[in-house]
Amino acid sequence: MSSSRDGPGYLRHSGRRNSIEAGMEEAHQVERELLPNGMMLITEAMPQVRSVAVGIWARSGSRTEPAELSGIAHFIEHMLFKGTERRTAEDIAREIERIGGYLDAFTAKEMICLNTKVLDEHVAIAFGIMADMVLRSRCSEEDVAKEKNVVLEELKMEQDNPEYLIHEIFSHNFWGKHPLGRPILGTRQSVSRFSSRKALTSYHELFAADNLLITAAGNLRHAKMRELVMGEFSGSAGERAGRRRAAEAPPHPHAHLTTRTKKGLEQVQLCIGVPSYAAASERRYQLSVLNYVLGGGMSSRLFQNIREQQGLAYTIFSDLNPYRDAGMLCVYAGTALEKTNRVIRCVIEEFRNLKAESITDEELRRAKDHLIGSLVLSLESSTARMSNLARQEIYFGRYCAAEEITRAIEGVTREEIQELVRELLRPEKIAVAVLGNLNGFRLRRSALEC
């Protein structure tokens, strides 16, 4: 099958793809507006649904924390739910559930998000609750003391999760002393030192108006959302400004080989990774195709070889971790101790095969179809669209329509993937972390030659 867009491989799909693009062009109605208080509001109308998803986003996350306050951004996310000057924690839960909605939040390395999804008729109520949480969190000493215990229990839970732990070990060694290498949850030592004063200071910085972004998608009108936002954020509290941080130095990846013994684990946990590109890189589409072919799905090379053909692991996959100035391509697997060396050899062999010979036309076509199909399916969700609006604004500073992304994916060539592979999959750049009841297991760099 030809990889050319003019060949039979493309023509066989062209009718369906034209209809997909036509549907996407009709679907998105995006409006982007910088408000007088310095906040950005981005909405996408979806008149075919009854829901509205709204997110209030802080444009910074755990990587902006000083080392002594590691985990404070995640802690502040927790504190948003502990009550405000107007509502108790129970009031918040009852009011959002009374209208049949849900309220959630998460903290990442480069953002914090408080989000809700409700019926269109209840969006004003839900947004009022969210704004109250963001503007008037109490962060009282009593609540801080209680929530420190909650987060410390969360840390213990994750320390008992080997998949979480291996990724943290790998990330710490890969990014070194850079803030990207620190855990989002913080450490027992840093969390134990949090106080109401420290929490309030960080809260005001993270949720200052000039650090906020609001996105909404669903059955809405932009003018109405603007009215709601300005109604809540136009006062002195909504116009507070954050302390400007100095520009961060980009991280420098380290190709460490790390082994850590943890007795009691039945499996050995593996991470094998290399530096890749930032979230806004022009090569992000080639990266997505490469990741899918390597280990991004059940038909990928790693899954088919290591799980299906050889039965060496239950879980094996690759994924991308892009940030605003750096990125990582990482392979994860869990296997028995006696099979660990073999799994590592198989992963490195797949690296070697990708470098020796370009991916096939069929692999390229399958990867494109998967990426485009996943994109189209996500358009059916108001929450996914709301999140997409924010991530594009944070990383690209503009809205990328689905049809633009589709065309970019379709434009990826086998030759570009081959060039990317040879640039990224170099032995001296490969980092590895191994966790388990290792019983003297040793890893040598010579085993990573590809």
Protein backbone atom coordinates (compact mmCIF):
# COMPACT_ATOMS: atom_id res chain seq x y z
CA MET A 1 0.00 0.00 0.00
CA SER A 2 1.37 3.38 -0.96
CA SER A 3 1.93 6.03 1.72
CA SER A 4 1.35 8.82 -0.78
CA ARG A 5 -1.74 10.94 -0.28
CA ASP A 6 -2.43 10.40 -3.99
CA GLY A 7 -2.10 6.62 -3.81
CA PRO A 8 -4.71 3.96 -3.12
CA GLY A 9 -3.95 3.98 0.61
CA TYR A 10 -5.32 7.50 0.86
CA LEU A 11 -8.09 7.29 -1.73
CA ARG A 12 -9.60 4.31 0.05
CA HIS A 13 -10.28 6.54 3.07
CA SER A 14 -10.89 9.89 1.40
CA GLY A 15 -14.70 9.80 1.30
CA ARG A 16 -15.02 9.03 5.00
CA ARG A 17 -12.34 11.56 5.90
CA ASN A 18 -14.03 14.32 3.92
CA SER A 19 -17.28 13.70 5.80
CA ILE A 20 -15.43 13.75 9.14
CA GLU A 21 -13.80 17.07 8.35
CA ALA A 22 -17.11 18.53 7.20
CA GLY A 23 -18.71 17.48 10.48
CA MET A 24 -15.89 19.00 12.50
CA GLU A 25 -16.10 22.29 10.64
CA GLU A 26 -19.79 22.55 11.47
CA ALA A 27 -19.32 21.51 15.09
CA HIS A 28 -16.85 23.99 16.53
CA GLN A 29 -17.94 27.53 17.41
CA VAL A 30 -15.03 28.88 19.42
CA GLU A 31 -14.78 32.40 20.86
CA ARG A 32 -11.68 33.68 22.64
CA GLU A 33 -11.67 36.93 24.63
CA LEU A 34 -9.20 38.67 26.94
CA LEU A 35 -11.30 40.22 29.70
CA PRO A 36 -10.62 43.62 31.33
CA ASN A 37 -9.36 41.93 34.53
CA GLY A 38 -6.60 40.12 32.60
CA MET A 39 -8.32 36.74 32.48
CA MET A 40 -8.78 34.83 29.23
CA LEU A 41 -12.20 33.37 28.49
CA ILE A 42 -12.59 30.75 25.75
CA THR A 43 -15.91 29.10 24.93
CA GLU A 44 -17.09 26.53 22.43
CA ALA A 45 -20.79 26.26 21.66
CA MET A 46 -22.23 22.76 21.24
CA PRO A 47 -25.94 23.34 20.60
CA GLN A 48 -26.56 19.63 20.05
CA VAL A 49 -25.98 18.76 23.75
CA ARG A 50 -27.69 19.66 27.04
CA SER A 51 -24.54 19.81 29.18
CA VAL A 52 -22.03 22.57 29.89
CA ALA A 53 -18.50 21.83 31.12
CA VAL A 54 -16.58 24.70 32.72
CA GLY A 55 -12.98 24.79 33.88
CA ILE A 56 -11.07 27.39 35.89
CA TRP A 57 -7.38 26.83 35.18
CA ALA A 58 -4.26 28.13 36.89
CA ARG A 59 -1.49 28.43 34.33
CA SER A 60 1.13 27.02 36.69
CA GLY A 61 1.44 23.78 38.60
CA SER A 62 3.96 21.87 40.64
CA ARG A 63 7.01 22.86 38.57
CA THR A 64 6.76 26.47 39.78
CA GLU A 65 7.07 25.47 43.45
CA PRO A 66 10.24 26.10 45.46
CA ALA A 67 11.79 22.85 46.65
CA GLU A 68 10.87 23.51 50.28
CA LEU A 69 7.20 23.79 49.29
CA SER A 70 7.09 20.73 47.05
CA GLY A 71 3.47 19.61 46.77
CA ILE A 72 1.89 22.95 47.73
CA ALA A 73 0.00 23.36 44.43
CA HIS A 74 -1.64 19.94 44.86
CA PHE A 75 -2.35 20.82 48.50
CA ILE A 76 -4.06 24.06 47.47
CA GLU A 77 -6.22 22.07 45.04
CA HIS A 78 -7.39 20.04 48.04
CA MET A 79 -8.00 23.16 50.13
CA LEU A 80 -10.37 24.59 47.52
CA PHE A 81 -12.89 21.94 48.62
CA LYS A 82 -12.52 22.60 52.37
CA GLY A 83 -14.82 25.59 52.48
CA THR A 84 -15.01 29.30 51.75
CA GLU A 85 -16.09 32.44 53.54
CA ARG A 86 -19.62 31.69 52.32
CA ARG A 87 -19.84 27.89 52.18
CA THR A 88 -18.71 24.92 54.21
CA ALA A 89 -17.22 21.87 52.53
CA GLU A 90 -20.58 20.14 53.02
CA ASP A 91 -22.41 23.08 51.42
CA ILE A 92 -20.20 22.82 48.34
CA ALA A 93 -20.88 19.09 47.96
CA ARG A 94 -24.62 19.39 48.57
CA GLU A 95 -25.17 22.35 46.24
CA ILE A 96 -23.41 20.79 43.28
CA GLU A 97 -25.10 17.41 43.80
CA ARG A 98 -28.51 19.05 44.22
CA ILE A 99 -28.35 20.17 40.58
CA GLY A 100 -27.14 16.78 39.37
CA GLY A 101 -23.66 17.99 38.50
CA TYR A 102 -20.18 16.90 39.38
CA LEU A 103 -17.19 18.88 40.60
CA ASP A 104 -13.60 17.76 40.22
CA ALA A 105 -10.03 19.07 40.22
CA PHE A 106 -6.51 17.96 39.38
CA THR A 107 -2.97 19.25 39.63
CA ALA A 108 -0.34 18.67 36.95
CA LYS A 109 3.24 19.84 36.56
CA GLU A 110 2.19 22.92 34.60
CA MET A 111 -1.45 23.59 35.52
CA ILE A 112 -4.21 23.23 38.10
CA CYS A 113 -7.82 22.73 37.04
CA LEU A 114 -11.11 23.05 38.93
CA ASN A 115 -13.93 21.85 36.69
CA THR A 116 -17.62 21.06 36.65
CA LYS A 117 -20.20 19.55 34.32
CA VAL A 118 -23.89 20.37 34.70
CA LEU A 119 -27.09 20.75 32.71
CA ASP A 120 -27.14 23.98 30.75
CA GLU A 121 -29.90 25.44 32.98
CA HIS A 122 -27.65 25.13 36.06
CA VAL A 123 -24.41 26.61 34.74
CA ALA A 124 -24.82 29.90 36.66
CA ILE A 125 -25.21 28.05 39.98
CA ALA A 126 -22.24 25.77 39.32
CA PHE A 127 -19.99 28.59 38.18
CA GLY A 128 -20.92 30.62 41.25
CA ILE A 129 -19.80 27.73 43.48
CA MET A 130 -16.52 27.34 41.58
CA ALA A 131 -15.77 31.07 41.66
CA ASP A 132 -16.41 31.13 45.41
CA MET A 133 -13.96 28.27 45.89
CA VAL A 134 -11.28 29.99 43.82
CA LEU A 135 -11.77 33.47 45.28
CA ARG A 136 -12.57 32.87 48.95
CA SER A 137 -10.88 29.70 50.15
CA ARG A 138 -10.37 29.91 53.91
CA CYS A 139 -7.18 27.85 54.32
CA SER A 140 -7.74 27.91 58.09
CA GLU A 141 -5.19 26.36 60.43
CA GLU A 142 -7.71 23.69 61.44
CA ASP A 143 -8.49 22.73 57.85
CA VAL A 144 -4.82 22.79 56.84
CA ALA A 145 -3.93 20.46 59.71
CA LYS A 146 -6.68 18.01 58.74
CA GLU A 147 -5.84 18.06 55.04
CA LYS A 148 -2.14 17.50 55.68
CA ASN A 149 -3.13 14.18 57.20
CA VAL A 150 -5.28 13.40 54.16
CA VAL A 151 -2.45 14.16 51.72
CA LEU A 152 0.03 12.18 53.82
CA GLU A 153 -2.32 9.20 53.54
CA GLU A 154 -2.53 9.81 49.79
CA LEU A 155 1.27 9.72 49.65
CA LYS A 156 1.32 6.42 51.54
CA MET A 157 -1.27 4.99 49.16
CA GLU A 158 0.80 5.96 46.12
CA GLN A 159 3.99 4.61 47.69
CA ASP A 160 2.18 1.28 47.82
CA ASN A 161 1.35 1.59 44.10
CA PRO A 162 4.38 0.20 42.20
CA GLU A 163 3.37 1.66 38.83
CA TYR A 164 3.13 5.14 40.35
CA LEU A 165 6.38 4.65 42.24
CA ILE A 166 8.46 3.54 39.24
CA HIS A 167 7.30 6.53 37.23
CA GLU A 168 8.25 8.87 40.08
CA ILE A 169 11.67 7.23 40.43
CA PHE A 170 12.22 7.46 36.68
CA SER A 171 11.07 11.09 36.46
CA HIS A 172 13.22 12.13 39.42
CA ASN A 173 16.35 10.66 37.89
CA PHE A 174 15.52 11.72 34.34
CA TRP A 175 14.97 15.42 35.16
CA GLY A 176 17.44 15.56 38.04
CA LYS A 177 17.20 18.57 40.35
CA HIS A 178 14.90 20.46 38.00
CA PRO A 179 11.36 21.04 39.38
CA LEU A 180 9.96 18.66 36.74
CA GLY A 181 11.73 15.89 38.62
CA ARG A 182 9.84 16.53 41.87
CA PRO A 183 6.59 14.69 42.69
CA ILE A 184 3.33 16.57 42.24
CA LEU A 185 2.17 15.30 45.66
CA GLY A 186 5.32 16.53 47.38
CA THR A 187 7.08 14.51 50.06
CA ARG A 188 6.19 13.58 53.63
CA GLN A 189 8.76 16.11 54.83
CA SER A 190 7.53 19.02 52.69
CA VAL A 191 3.82 18.39 53.30
CA SER A 192 4.39 18.12 57.05
CA ARG A 193 5.83 21.65 57.02
CA PHE A 194 2.80 23.30 55.36
CA SER A 195 1.03 25.96 57.41
CA SER A 196 -2.02 28.15 56.92
CA ARG A 197 0.22 31.12 56.14
CA LYS A 198 2.18 29.24 53.48
CA ALA A 199 -1.01 27.81 52.00
CA LEU A 200 -2.68 31.22 51.75
CA THR A 201 0.38 32.82 50.15
CA SER A 202 0.59 30.12 47.50
CA TYR A 203 -3.18 30.16 47.00
CA HIS A 204 -3.20 33.90 46.23
CA GLU A 205 -0.32 33.51 43.78
CA LEU A 206 -1.72 30.50 41.95
CA PHE A 207 -5.26 31.83 41.65
CA ALA A 208 -4.49 35.45 40.88
CA ALA A 209 -6.60 36.83 38.01
CA ASP A 210 -3.59 37.26 35.72
CA ASN A 211 -2.73 33.56 36.17
CA LEU A 212 -6.23 32.27 35.42
CA LEU A 213 -7.90 30.92 32.31
CA ILE A 214 -11.57 29.98 32.03
CA THR A 215 -12.84 27.60 29.37
CA ALA A 216 -16.35 26.31 28.77
CA ALA A 217 -17.95 24.02 26.21
CA GLY A 218 -21.50 22.86 25.70
CA ASN A 219 -24.93 24.37 25.17
CA LEU A 220 -23.92 27.93 26.00
CA ARG A 221 -23.65 31.49 24.74
CA HIS A 222 -20.32 33.27 24.99
CA ALA A 223 -21.96 36.53 26.07
CA LYS A 224 -23.68 34.79 28.98
CA MET A 225 -20.45 33.14 30.11
CA ARG A 226 -18.69 36.50 29.93
CA GLU A 227 -21.42 37.98 32.11
CA LEU A 228 -21.00 35.21 34.68
CA VAL A 229 -17.21 35.55 34.76
CA MET A 230 -17.23 39.32 35.07
CA GLY A 231 -19.94 39.14 37.71
CA GLU A 232 -17.75 36.94 39.91
CA PHE A 233 -14.26 38.18 39.09
CA SER A 234 -14.68 41.93 38.62
CA GLY A 235 -14.17 42.88 42.29
CA SER A 236 -10.90 43.48 44.09
CA ALA A 237 -10.51 39.78 44.92
CA GLY A 238 -10.96 38.82 41.29
CA GLU A 239 -8.44 41.40 40.14
CA ARG A 240 -5.62 40.47 42.50
CA ALA A 241 -2.28 40.02 40.76
CA GLY A 242 0.21 37.27 41.38
CA ARG A 243 3.90 37.68 42.15
CA ARG A 244 5.77 37.45 38.89
CA ARG A 245 8.17 34.54 38.84
CA ALA A 246 11.55 34.61 37.19
CA ALA A 247 11.79 32.75 33.90
CA GLU A 248 12.57 29.10 34.51
CA ALA A 249 15.59 27.43 33.01
CA PRO A 250 14.66 24.52 30.74
CA PRO A 251 15.38 21.05 32.12
CA HIS A 252 18.32 18.95 31.01
CA PRO A 253 17.53 15.21 30.81
CA HIS A 254 19.88 12.68 32.36
CA ALA A 255 20.39 9.16 30.99
CA HIS A 256 20.63 7.50 34.41
CA LEU A 257 20.39 3.74 34.96
CA THR A 258 18.59 3.27 38.27
CA THR A 259 17.74 0.13 40.22
CA ARG A 260 15.84 0.13 43.49
CA THR A 261 14.93 -2.83 45.61
CA LYS A 262 11.46 -2.97 47.16
CA LYS A 263 10.76 -6.28 48.82
CA GLY A 264 7.26 -7.63 48.76
CA LEU A 265 6.62 -6.81 45.10
CA GLU A 266 5.67 -9.78 42.94
CA GLN A 267 6.63 -7.99 39.72
CA VAL A 268 9.58 -5.96 38.54
CA GLN A 269 8.55 -2.52 37.28
CA LEU A 270 10.43 -1.00 34.31
CA CYS A 271 10.64 2.43 32.71
CA ILE A 272 12.81 2.99 29.65
CA GLY A 273 12.80 6.49 28.18
CA VAL A 274 14.46 9.12 26.04
CA PRO A 275 14.13 12.90 25.71
CA SER A 276 11.59 14.05 23.13
CA TYR A 277 10.02 17.42 22.26
CA ALA A 278 7.99 20.15 23.93
CA ALA A 279 4.20 20.22 23.72
CA ALA A 280 4.13 22.92 21.04
CA SER A 281 6.87 21.42 18.88
CA GLU A 282 6.14 21.28 15.17
CA ARG A 283 7.12 17.60 15.37
CA ARG A 284 4.36 16.69 17.83
CA TYR A 285 2.31 14.91 15.17
CA GLN A 286 5.24 12.77 14.08
CA LEU A 287 5.85 11.99 17.76
CA SER A 288 2.25 10.89 18.23
CA VAL A 289 2.46 8.56 15.24
CA LEU A 290 5.76 7.11 16.44
CA ASN A 291 4.41 6.59 19.95
CA TYR A 292 1.34 4.77 18.64
CA VAL A 293 3.38 2.47 16.41
CA LEU A 294 5.87 1.72 19.19
CA GLY A 295 3.57 1.09 22.14
CA GLY A 296 0.48 3.27 22.03
CA GLY A 297 -2.15 0.59 21.47
CA MET A 298 -2.96 -3.12 21.35
CA SER A 299 -1.73 -3.36 17.76
CA SER A 300 1.59 -1.66 18.58
CA ARG A 301 4.92 -3.39 18.14
CA LEU A 302 5.67 -3.63 21.85
CA PHE A 303 2.25 -5.01 22.79
CA GLN A 304 2.14 -7.53 19.99
CA ASN A 305 5.71 -8.74 20.51
CA ILE A 306 6.16 -8.69 24.27
CA ARG A 307 2.64 -9.54 25.43
CA GLU A 308 0.89 -11.36 22.60
CA GLN A 309 3.73 -13.29 20.94
CA GLN A 310 6.05 -13.96 23.88
CA GLY A 311 3.77 -13.59 26.91
CA LEU A 312 6.44 -11.75 28.89
CA ALA A 313 4.23 -9.06 30.45
CA TYR A 314 0.61 -8.26 31.16
CA THR A 315 1.11 -4.49 30.83
CA ILE A 316 3.44 -2.93 28.26
CA PHE A 317 2.97 0.48 26.64
CA SER A 318 4.70 3.69 25.62
CA ASP A 319 3.51 7.22 26.21
CA LEU A 320 4.52 10.85 25.71
CA ASN A 321 5.03 13.40 28.48
CA PRO A 322 5.29 16.81 26.79
CA TYR A 323 5.85 20.07 28.70
CA ARG A 324 6.23 23.65 27.55
CA ASP A 325 10.01 23.43 27.07
CA ALA A 326 10.84 19.70 27.10
CA GLY A 327 9.40 16.24 26.66
CA MET A 328 9.89 12.54 27.29
CA LEU A 329 9.02 9.33 25.44
CA CYS A 330 8.76 6.50 27.97
CA VAL A 331 8.10 2.75 27.81
CA TYR A 332 6.59 1.04 30.85
CA ALA A 333 6.33 -2.68 31.61
CA GLY A 334 5.71 -4.96 34.56
CA THR A 335 7.19 -8.46 34.46
CA ALA A 336 8.74 -11.27 36.51
CA LEU A 337 12.31 -10.89 37.76
CA GLU A 338 13.56 -13.78 35.62
CA LYS A 339 12.07 -12.17 32.52
CA THR A 340 13.33 -8.64 33.16
CA ASN A 341 16.48 -8.81 31.04
CA ARG A 342 14.54 -10.37 28.21
CA VAL A 343 11.89 -7.63 28.27
CA ILE A 344 14.59 -4.95 28.20
CA ARG A 345 16.29 -6.71 25.26
CA CYS A 346 12.97 -6.86 23.39
CA VAL A 347 12.29 -3.15 23.90
CA ILE A 348 15.78 -2.23 22.72
CA GLU A 349 15.37 -4.59 19.77
CA GLU A 350 12.22 -2.71 18.75
CA PHE A 351 14.20 0.53 18.98
CA ARG A 352 16.85 -1.06 16.75
CA ASN A 353 14.28 -2.29 14.24
CA LEU A 354 12.67 1.16 13.99
CA LYS A 355 16.07 2.69 13.27
CA ALA A 356 17.07 0.06 10.73
CA GLU A 357 13.90 0.17 8.64
CA SER A 358 11.08 2.68 8.42
CA ILE A 359 7.59 1.84 9.61
CA THR A 360 5.33 0.23 7.03
CA ASP A 361 2.61 1.95 5.04
CA GLU A 362 0.05 -0.12 6.92
CA GLU A 363 1.43 0.95 10.32
CA LEU A 364 1.41 4.59 9.24
CA ARG A 365 -2.17 4.35 8.00
CA ARG A 366 -3.33 2.58 11.15
CA ALA A 367 -1.67 5.16 13.39
CA LYS A 368 -3.25 8.06 11.51
CA ASP A 369 -6.69 6.46 11.59
CA HIS A 370 -6.39 5.83 15.31
CA LEU A 371 -5.27 9.38 16.13
CA ILE A 372 -7.93 10.96 13.95
CA GLY A 373 -10.62 8.61 15.23
CA SER A 374 -9.73 9.38 18.84
CA LEU A 375 -9.85 13.08 18.06
CA VAL A 376 -13.29 12.84 16.46
CA LEU A 377 -14.70 10.75 19.30
CA SER A 378 -13.46 13.30 21.84
CA LEU A 379 -15.52 15.97 20.08
CA GLU A 380 -18.66 14.31 21.42
CA SER A 381 -17.73 15.22 25.01
CA SER A 382 -18.24 18.73 26.37
CA THR A 383 -15.66 18.01 29.10
CA ALA A 384 -13.04 16.92 26.56
CA ARG A 385 -13.65 20.02 24.46
CA MET A 386 -13.43 22.27 27.51
CA SER A 387 -10.11 20.68 28.47
CA ASN A 388 -8.82 20.87 24.90
CA LEU A 389 -9.52 24.62 24.76
CA ALA A 390 -7.42 25.18 27.87
CA ARG A 391 -4.47 23.01 26.90
CA GLN A 392 -4.25 24.59 23.48
CA GLU A 393 -4.31 28.08 25.00
CA ILE A 394 -1.69 27.22 27.62
CA TYR A 395 0.70 25.50 25.21
CA PHE A 396 -0.02 27.10 21.81
CA GLY A 397 -1.59 30.46 22.68
CA ARG A 398 -4.28 29.87 20.07
CA TYR A 399 -7.07 27.50 19.07
CA CYS A 400 -6.20 24.66 16.70
CA ALA A 401 -9.34 23.42 14.96
CA ALA A 402 -9.85 19.68 14.61
CA GLU A 403 -9.62 19.84 10.83
CA GLU A 404 -6.22 21.59 11.14
CA ILE A 405 -4.99 18.80 13.41
CA THR A 406 -6.38 16.16 11.04
CA ARG A 407 -4.55 17.66 8.08
CA ALA A 408 -1.32 17.78 10.09
CA ILE A 409 -1.66 14.12 11.07
CA GLU A 410 -2.40 13.16 7.47
CA GLY A 411 0.73 15.02 6.39
CA VAL A 412 3.10 12.84 8.45
CA THR A 413 5.38 10.71 6.29
CA ARG A 414 7.36 7.53 6.84
CA GLU A 415 10.54 9.44 6.12
CA GLU A 416 9.79 11.93 8.91
CA ILE A 417 9.21 9.09 11.36
CA GLN A 418 12.50 7.47 10.33
CA GLU A 419 14.37 10.74 10.87
CA LEU A 420 12.71 11.18 14.26
CA VAL A 421 13.57 7.65 15.36
CA ARG A 422 17.23 8.04 14.50
CA GLU A 423 17.38 11.33 16.36
CA LEU A 424 15.64 10.18 19.54
CA LEU A 425 16.51 6.52 20.02
CA ARG A 426 20.22 6.86 20.68
CA PRO A 427 21.87 4.55 23.26
CA GLU A 428 23.61 7.35 25.12
CA LYS A 429 20.25 9.11 25.66
CA ILE A 430 18.36 6.10 27.03
CA ALA A 431 17.44 6.22 30.73
CA VAL A 432 16.17 3.19 32.64
CA ALA A 433 14.63 2.68 36.08
CA VAL A 434 13.98 -0.77 37.57
CA LEU A 435 12.00 -1.39 40.77
CA GLY A 436 11.24 -4.65 42.55
CA ASN A 437 12.53 -7.48 44.67
CA LEU A 438 15.66 -7.46 42.52
CA ASN A 439 17.77 -10.11 44.28
CA GLY A 440 21.08 -8.81 42.90
CA PHE A 441 19.79 -7.79 39.44
CA ARG A 442 22.23 -5.53 37.59
CA LEU A 443 21.75 -3.39 34.51
CA ARG A 444 24.58 -2.39 32.16
CA ARG A 445 24.55 0.29 29.48
CA SER A 446 25.93 -2.17 26.98
CA ALA A 447 22.50 -3.85 27.04
CA LEU A 448 20.97 -0.68 25.59
CA GLU A 449 22.92 -0.57 22.34
CA CYS A 450 20.54 0.04 19.48
